[in-house]
Amino acid sequence: MAVKAPIAFDAAFSAQLRELLLWRRDVRRFRRDPLPDGTIEALIDLACLAPSVGLSQPWRFVIVDDAARRAAIRRDFESCNAEALAAQDNERAGLYARLKLAGLEEAPSHLAVFADRSTAQGHGLGRRTMPEMIDYSAVTAVHTIWLTARARGVGMGWVSILNPKVVAGLLQVPAEWKFIGYFCLGYPQCDDTVPELEQMKWEQRRQPSSVTIKR
């Protein structure tokens, strides 16, 4: 096997990478302009470079263009969101009701991501004691899309207020596929380094020291 010289990323690149991470936000407010043809496919192509357990590449992508399916997804979101609102205590309910938690109506592109738990690729390497590594691998692909989309000026929002069984049924995917997430993509109405949930006083970001221990 030929040995390739390591690539050296300079300080400027490192600084830009930090900027990319800062500007990568969960977008809920989209412009309705369509993305250029091939944009989603190009993002998926890069997502497939993500790490995966045993080189299993278990991620499965469903580009949702069908209007009827999109409408059904929105209805499921509305139902699940109403249940989530009802579950809030009195102090939080009013704030929750004011949050914009999805851009399903405005976003020009929708993408669902699944993990194929039945895949033979990888021959089970690394999954014997931690089978959930298949799901985690698909999440790495999601994060890769998020960063590469942001680098292209495209915003992405993760819609988690959905019933996984309903989504899988609407998209008619194999039973072995585990639902990972439903995503809205498009050009954001505005950009910000501060998460909208922090701006709305729902939660504050923790400092790294508060989530780090040494042993």
C-alpha atoms as a PDB file:
ATOM      1  CA  MET A   1       0.000   0.000   0.000  1.00  0.00           C
ATOM      2  CA  ALA A   2       1.420   3.349  -1.058  1.00  0.00           C
ATOM      3  CA  VAL A   3       1.933   5.768   1.817  1.00  0.00           C
ATOM      4  CA  LYS A   4       0.622   9.248   1.131  1.00  0.00           C
ATOM      5  CA  ALA A   5       2.125  12.317   2.714  1.00  0.00           C
ATOM      6  CA  PRO A   6      -0.123  13.765   5.439  1.00  0.00           C
ATOM      7  CA  ILE A   7      -2.095  16.866   4.550  1.00  0.00           C
ATOM      8  CA  ALA A   8      -1.201  19.881   6.643  1.00  0.00           C
ATOM      9  CA  PHE A   9      -4.130  22.156   7.483  1.00  0.00           C
ATOM     10  CA  ASP A  10      -2.859  25.620   8.308  1.00  0.00           C
ATOM     11  CA  ALA A  11      -4.025  27.992  11.036  1.00  0.00           C
ATOM     12  CA  ALA A  12      -6.281  29.858   8.630  1.00  0.00           C
ATOM     13  CA  PHE A  13      -8.135  26.665   7.784  1.00  0.00           C
ATOM     14  CA  SER A  14      -8.504  25.815  11.483  1.00  0.00           C
ATOM     15  CA  ALA A  15      -9.958  29.252  12.135  1.00  0.00           C
ATOM     16  CA  GLN A  16     -12.407  28.865   9.267  1.00  0.00           C
ATOM     17  CA  LEU A  17     -13.434  25.444  10.568  1.00  0.00           C
ATOM     18  CA  ARG A  18     -14.236  26.984  13.940  1.00  0.00           C
ATOM     19  CA  GLU A  19     -16.258  29.670  12.175  1.00  0.00           C
ATOM     20  CA  LEU A  20     -18.148  26.969  10.285  1.00  0.00           C
ATOM     21  CA  LEU A  21     -19.033  25.250  13.550  1.00  0.00           C
ATOM     22  CA  LEU A  22     -20.144  28.553  15.072  1.00  0.00           C
ATOM     23  CA  TRP A  23     -22.376  29.444  12.121  1.00  0.00           C
ATOM     24  CA  ARG A  24     -23.866  25.956  11.817  1.00  0.00           C
ATOM     25  CA  ARG A  25     -27.261  26.557  13.332  1.00  0.00           C
ATOM     26  CA  ASP A  26     -30.522  24.641  13.407  1.00  0.00           C
ATOM     27  CA  VAL A  27     -32.498  26.669  10.856  1.00  0.00           C
ATOM     28  CA  ARG A  28     -36.291  26.945  11.096  1.00  0.00           C
ATOM     29  CA  ARG A  29     -36.848  30.116   9.057  1.00  0.00           C
ATOM     30  CA  PHE A  30     -36.216  29.561   5.360  1.00  0.00           C
ATOM     31  CA  ARG A  31     -36.564  31.528   2.172  1.00  0.00           C
ATOM     32  CA  ARG A  32     -38.727  29.706  -0.335  1.00  0.00           C
ATOM     33  CA  ASP A  33     -36.175  29.948  -3.154  1.00  0.00           C
ATOM     34  CA  PRO A  34     -35.429  26.465  -4.498  1.00  0.00           C
ATOM     35  CA  LEU A  35     -31.925  25.119  -4.153  1.00  0.00           C
ATOM     36  CA  PRO A  36     -29.943  24.639  -7.376  1.00  0.00           C
ATOM     37  CA  ASP A  37     -30.492  21.293  -9.074  1.00  0.00           C
ATOM     38  CA  GLY A  38     -28.249  18.595  -7.674  1.00  0.00           C
ATOM     39  CA  THR A  39     -27.563  20.348  -4.363  1.00  0.00           C
ATOM     40  CA  ILE A  40     -29.073  17.656  -2.138  1.00  0.00           C
ATOM     41  CA  GLU A  41     -27.397  14.902  -4.137  1.00  0.00           C
ATOM     42  CA  ALA A  42     -24.039  16.675  -3.777  1.00  0.00           C
ATOM     43  CA  LEU A  43     -24.531  16.944  -0.013  1.00  0.00           C
ATOM     44  CA  ILE A  44     -25.394  13.255   0.206  1.00  0.00           C
ATOM     45  CA  ASP A  45     -22.274  12.436  -1.787  1.00  0.00           C
ATOM     46  CA  LEU A  46     -20.148  14.211   0.830  1.00  0.00           C
ATOM     47  CA  ALA A  47     -22.152  12.687   3.697  1.00  0.00           C
ATOM     48  CA  CYS A  48     -21.068   9.261   2.508  1.00  0.00           C
ATOM     49  CA  LEU A  49     -17.501  10.214   3.490  1.00  0.00           C
ATOM     50  CA  ALA A  50     -18.577  10.218   7.154  1.00  0.00           C
ATOM     51  CA  PRO A  51     -17.134   7.605   9.532  1.00  0.00           C
ATOM     52  CA  SER A  52     -19.128   4.440  10.154  1.00  0.00           C
ATOM     53  CA  VAL A  53     -18.699   1.400  12.367  1.00  0.00           C
ATOM     54  CA  GLY A  54     -16.931  -1.396  10.500  1.00  0.00           C
ATOM     55  CA  LEU A  55     -17.201   0.644   7.289  1.00  0.00           C
ATOM     56  CA  SER A  56     -20.861  -0.392   7.282  1.00  0.00           C
ATOM     57  CA  GLN A  57     -22.144   2.883   5.773  1.00  0.00           C
ATOM     58  CA  PRO A  58     -25.640   2.175   7.148  1.00  0.00           C
ATOM     59  CA  TRP A  59     -27.074   5.600   6.278  1.00  0.00           C
ATOM     60  CA  ARG A  60     -30.067   5.638   3.960  1.00  0.00           C
ATOM     61  CA  PHE A  61     -31.405   8.878   2.488  1.00  0.00           C
ATOM     62  CA  VAL A  62     -34.917   9.646   1.278  1.00  0.00           C
ATOM     63  CA  ILE A  63     -35.377  12.876  -0.682  1.00  0.00           C
ATOM     64  CA  VAL A  64     -39.001  13.859  -0.067  1.00  0.00           C
ATOM     65  CA  ASP A  65     -40.367  15.798  -3.034  1.00  0.00           C
ATOM     66  CA  ASP A  66     -43.934  14.459  -3.119  1.00  0.00           C
ATOM     67  CA  ALA A  67     -46.382  17.169  -2.005  1.00  0.00           C
ATOM     68  CA  ALA A  68     -48.864  14.739  -0.460  1.00  0.00           C
ATOM     69  CA  ARG A  69     -46.192  13.079   1.657  1.00  0.00           C
ATOM     70  CA  ARG A  70     -44.853  16.445   2.759  1.00  0.00           C
ATOM     71  CA  ALA A  71     -48.345  17.521   3.785  1.00  0.00           C
ATOM     72  CA  ALA A  72     -48.783  14.307   5.778  1.00  0.00           C
ATOM     73  CA  ILE A  73     -45.451  14.897   7.520  1.00  0.00           C
ATOM     74  CA  ARG A  74     -46.611  18.409   8.473  1.00  0.00           C
ATOM     75  CA  ARG A  75     -49.845  17.015   9.901  1.00  0.00           C
ATOM     76  CA  ASP A  76     -47.903  14.522  12.006  1.00  0.00           C
ATOM     77  CA  PHE A  77     -45.651  17.328  13.246  1.00  0.00           C
ATOM     78  CA  GLU A  78     -48.675  19.416  14.213  1.00  0.00           C
ATOM     79  CA  SER A  79     -50.180  16.487  16.119  1.00  0.00           C
ATOM     80  CA  CYS A  80     -46.941  15.636  17.931  1.00  0.00           C
ATOM     81  CA  ASN A  81     -46.261  19.292  18.664  1.00  0.00           C
ATOM     82  CA  ALA A  82     -49.725  19.742  20.186  1.00  0.00           C
ATOM     83  CA  GLU A  83     -49.027  16.795  22.493  1.00  0.00           C
ATOM     84  CA  ALA A  84     -45.646  18.258  23.429  1.00  0.00           C
ATOM     85  CA  LEU A  85     -47.247  21.622  24.221  1.00  0.00           C
ATOM     86  CA  ALA A  86     -49.875  19.955  26.417  1.00  0.00           C
ATOM     87  CA  ALA A  87     -47.080  18.223  28.338  1.00  0.00           C
ATOM     88  CA  GLN A  88     -45.368  21.503  29.289  1.00  0.00           C
ATOM     89  CA  ASP A  89     -45.887  22.927  32.737  1.00  0.00           C
ATOM     90  CA  ASN A  90     -47.661  26.272  33.092  1.00  0.00           C
ATOM     91  CA  GLU A  91     -44.397  28.187  33.367  1.00  0.00           C
ATOM     92  CA  ARG A  92     -43.019  26.784  30.119  1.00  0.00           C
ATOM     93  CA  ALA A  93     -46.162  26.358  28.025  1.00  0.00           C
ATOM     94  CA  GLY A  94     -46.436  29.977  26.933  1.00  0.00           C
ATOM     95  CA  LEU A  95     -42.804  30.121  25.848  1.00  0.00           C
ATOM     96  CA  TYR A  96     -43.062  26.767  24.077  1.00  0.00           C
ATOM     97  CA  ALA A  97     -46.066  27.980  22.102  1.00  0.00           C
ATOM     98  CA  ARG A  98     -44.037  30.945  20.809  1.00  0.00           C
ATOM     99  CA  LEU A  99     -41.153  28.806  19.545  1.00  0.00           C
ATOM    100  CA  LYS A 100     -40.859  28.085  15.840  1.00  0.00           C
ATOM    101  CA  LEU A 101     -39.772  24.466  15.842  1.00  0.00           C
ATOM    102  CA  ALA A 102     -39.852  23.524  12.159  1.00  0.00           C
ATOM    103  CA  GLY A 103     -39.620  25.010   8.687  1.00  0.00           C
ATOM    104  CA  LEU A 104     -41.674  22.314   7.020  1.00  0.00           C
ATOM    105  CA  GLU A 105     -43.915  24.772   5.209  1.00  0.00           C
ATOM    106  CA  GLU A 106     -41.246  27.111   3.856  1.00  0.00           C
ATOM    107  CA  ALA A 107     -38.179  24.917   3.252  1.00  0.00           C
ATOM    108  CA  PRO A 108     -37.791  24.025  -0.427  1.00  0.00           C
ATOM    109  CA  SER A 109     -36.082  20.693   0.247  1.00  0.00           C
ATOM    110  CA  HIS A 110     -36.921  17.873   2.649  1.00  0.00           C
ATOM    111  CA  LEU A 111     -34.667  14.926   3.490  1.00  0.00           C
ATOM    112  CA  ALA A 112     -35.237  11.931   5.750  1.00  0.00           C
ATOM    113  CA  VAL A 113     -32.338   9.877   7.086  1.00  0.00           C
ATOM    114  CA  PHE A 114     -32.524   6.279   8.248  1.00  0.00           C
ATOM    115  CA  ALA A 115     -30.056   3.670   9.516  1.00  0.00           C
ATOM    116  CA  ASP A 116     -30.234   0.218   7.945  1.00  0.00           C
ATOM    117  CA  ARG A 117     -29.848  -2.067  10.941  1.00  0.00           C
ATOM    118  CA  SER A 118     -29.957  -5.165   8.726  1.00  0.00           C
ATOM    119  CA  THR A 119     -27.021  -4.212   6.530  1.00  0.00           C
ATOM    120  CA  ALA A 120     -24.461  -6.970   5.955  1.00  0.00           C
ATOM    121  CA  GLN A 121     -21.824  -4.429   4.981  1.00  0.00           C
ATOM    122  CA  GLY A 122     -19.071  -4.285   7.572  1.00  0.00           C
ATOM    123  CA  HIS A 123     -19.693  -7.930   8.572  1.00  0.00           C
ATOM    124  CA  GLY A 124     -20.804  -6.865  12.040  1.00  0.00           C
ATOM    125  CA  LEU A 125     -17.428  -5.405  12.991  1.00  0.00           C
ATOM    126  CA  GLY A 126     -17.687  -3.195  16.090  1.00  0.00           C
ATOM    127  CA  ARG A 127     -21.380  -3.881  16.668  1.00  0.00           C
ATOM    128  CA  ARG A 128     -21.415  -7.033  18.771  1.00  0.00           C
ATOM    129  CA  THR A 129     -21.467  -5.262  22.129  1.00  0.00           C
ATOM    130  CA  MET A 130     -22.810  -1.943  20.818  1.00  0.00           C
ATOM    131  CA  PRO A 131     -25.353  -2.559  18.047  1.00  0.00           C
ATOM    132  CA  GLU A 132     -26.481   1.055  18.374  1.00  0.00           C
ATOM    133  CA  MET A 133     -23.257   2.033  16.602  1.00  0.00           C
ATOM    134  CA  ILE A 134     -25.231   1.589  13.376  1.00  0.00           C
ATOM    135  CA  ASP A 135     -27.511   4.462  14.427  1.00  0.00           C
ATOM    136  CA  TYR A 136     -24.597   6.590  15.595  1.00  0.00           C
ATOM    137  CA  SER A 137     -22.892   6.086  12.239  1.00  0.00           C
ATOM    138  CA  ALA A 138     -25.940   7.491  10.451  1.00  0.00           C
ATOM    139  CA  VAL A 139     -25.850  10.495  12.775  1.00  0.00           C
ATOM    140  CA  THR A 140     -22.264  11.223  11.697  1.00  0.00           C
ATOM    141  CA  ALA A 141     -23.562  11.435   8.127  1.00  0.00           C
ATOM    142  CA  VAL A 142     -26.216  13.917   9.274  1.00  0.00           C
ATOM    143  CA  HIS A 143     -23.612  16.136  10.907  1.00  0.00           C
ATOM    144  CA  THR A 144     -21.471  15.958   7.786  1.00  0.00           C
ATOM    145  CA  ILE A 145     -24.397  17.174   5.679  1.00  0.00           C
ATOM    146  CA  TRP A 146     -25.058  19.952   8.195  1.00  0.00           C
ATOM    147  CA  LEU A 147     -21.533  21.306   7.944  1.00  0.00           C
ATOM    148  CA  THR A 148     -21.176  20.961   4.184  1.00  0.00           C
ATOM    149  CA  ALA A 149     -24.572  22.585   3.676  1.00  0.00           C
ATOM    150  CA  ARG A 150     -23.571  25.537   5.858  1.00  0.00           C
ATOM    151  CA  ALA A 151     -20.321  25.874   3.888  1.00  0.00           C
ATOM    152  CA  ARG A 152     -22.461  26.302   0.755  1.00  0.00           C
ATOM    153  CA  GLY A 153     -24.722  28.880   2.385  1.00  0.00           C
ATOM    154  CA  VAL A 154     -27.540  26.348   2.820  1.00  0.00           C
ATOM    155  CA  GLY A 155     -29.371  26.107   6.132  1.00  0.00           C
ATOM    156  CA  MET A 156     -30.570  22.859   7.671  1.00  0.00           C
ATOM    157  CA  GLY A 157     -33.096  22.179  10.414  1.00  0.00           C
ATOM    158  CA  TRP A 158     -33.677  18.915  12.281  1.00  0.00           C
ATOM    159  CA  VAL A 159     -37.375  18.168  12.865  1.00  0.00           C
ATOM    160  CA  SER A 160     -37.524  15.731  15.770  1.00  0.00           C
ATOM    161  CA  ILE A 161     -41.137  16.341  16.805  1.00  0.00           C
ATOM    162  CA  LEU A 162     -42.446  13.482  14.690  1.00  0.00           C
ATOM    163  CA  ASN A 163     -43.709   9.931  15.187  1.00  0.00           C
ATOM    164  CA  PRO A 164     -41.018   7.625  13.736  1.00  0.00           C
ATOM    165  CA  LYS A 165     -43.519   4.911  12.798  1.00  0.00           C
ATOM    166  CA  VAL A 166     -45.728   7.401  10.994  1.00  0.00           C
ATOM    167  CA  VAL A 167     -42.782   8.809   9.041  1.00  0.00           C
ATOM    168  CA  ALA A 168     -41.491   5.375   8.076  1.00  0.00           C
ATOM    169  CA  GLY A 169     -44.963   4.390   6.927  1.00  0.00           C
ATOM    170  CA  LEU A 170     -45.481   7.539   4.885  1.00  0.00           C
ATOM    171  CA  LEU A 171     -42.125   7.109   3.158  1.00  0.00           C
ATOM    172  CA  GLN A 172     -42.632   3.358   2.658  1.00  0.00           C
ATOM    173  CA  VAL A 173     -39.146   2.325   3.717  1.00  0.00           C
ATOM    174  CA  PRO A 174     -38.063  -1.213   4.722  1.00  0.00           C
ATOM    175  CA  ALA A 175     -38.984  -2.276   8.245  1.00  0.00           C
ATOM    176  CA  GLU A 176     -35.299  -2.768   9.095  1.00  0.00           C
ATOM    177  CA  TRP A 177     -34.545   0.928   8.629  1.00  0.00           C
ATOM    178  CA  LYS A 178     -34.406   2.911  11.874  1.00  0.00           C
ATOM    179  CA  PHE A 179     -35.645   6.497  11.567  1.00  0.00           C
ATOM    180  CA  ILE A 180     -32.867   8.928  12.480  1.00  0.00           C
ATOM    181  CA  GLY A 181     -34.271  12.305  11.513  1.00  0.00           C
ATOM    182  CA  TYR A 182     -36.250  14.490   9.144  1.00  0.00           C
ATOM    183  CA  PHE A 183     -34.529  17.595   7.818  1.00  0.00           C
ATOM    184  CA  CYS A 184     -35.524  20.829   6.136  1.00  0.00           C
ATOM    185  CA  LEU A 185     -32.977  22.450   3.839  1.00  0.00           C
ATOM    186  CA  GLY A 186     -32.920  25.789   2.072  1.00  0.00           C
ATOM    187  CA  TYR A 187     -31.484  29.261   2.205  1.00  0.00           C
ATOM    188  CA  PRO A 188     -31.979  30.771   5.684  1.00  0.00           C
ATOM    189  CA  GLN A 189     -33.845  34.038   6.097  1.00  0.00           C
ATOM    190  CA  CYS A 190     -31.017  35.228   8.323  1.00  0.00           C
ATOM    191  CA  ASP A 191     -27.780  33.902   9.784  1.00  0.00           C
ATOM    192  CA  ASP A 192     -26.659  33.978  13.401  1.00  0.00           C
ATOM    193  CA  THR A 193     -24.085  32.292  15.600  1.00  0.00           C
ATOM    194  CA  VAL A 194     -26.487  32.214  18.565  1.00  0.00           C
ATOM    195  CA  PRO A 195     -28.995  29.334  18.602  1.00  0.00           C
ATOM    196  CA  GLU A 196     -32.590  30.523  18.300  1.00  0.00           C
ATOM    197  CA  LEU A 197     -33.552  28.592  21.437  1.00  0.00           C
ATOM    198  CA  GLU A 198     -30.947  30.593  23.322  1.00  0.00           C
ATOM    199  CA  GLN A 199     -32.229  33.839  21.842  1.00  0.00           C
ATOM    200  CA  MET A 200     -35.748  32.913  22.950  1.00  0.00           C
ATOM    201  CA  LYS A 201     -34.516  32.166  26.514  1.00  0.00           C
ATOM    202  CA  TRP A 202     -35.511  28.506  26.308  1.00  0.00           C
ATOM    203  CA  GLU A 203     -32.054  27.305  27.295  1.00  0.00           C
ATOM    204  CA  GLN A 204     -28.471  28.508  27.606  1.00  0.00           C
ATOM    205  CA  ARG A 205     -25.358  26.907  26.203  1.00  0.00           C
ATOM    206  CA  ARG A 206     -23.081  25.266  28.767  1.00  0.00           C
ATOM    207  CA  GLN A 207     -19.371  25.863  29.018  1.00  0.00           C
ATOM    208  CA  PRO A 208     -17.181  22.875  28.049  1.00  0.00           C
ATOM    209  CA  SER A 209     -15.768  22.686  31.586  1.00  0.00           C
ATOM    210  CA  SER A 210     -19.240  21.930  32.952  1.00  0.00           C
ATOM    211  CA  VAL A 211     -19.563  18.770  30.851  1.00  0.00           C
ATOM    212  CA  THR A 212     -15.993  17.466  31.212  1.00  0.00           C
ATOM    213  CA  ILE A 213     -14.549  15.229  33.916  1.00  0.00           C
ATOM    214  CA  LYS A 214     -11.139  13.587  34.387  1.00  0.00           C
ATOM    215  CA  ARG A 215     -10.417  10.141  35.752  1.00  0.00           C
END
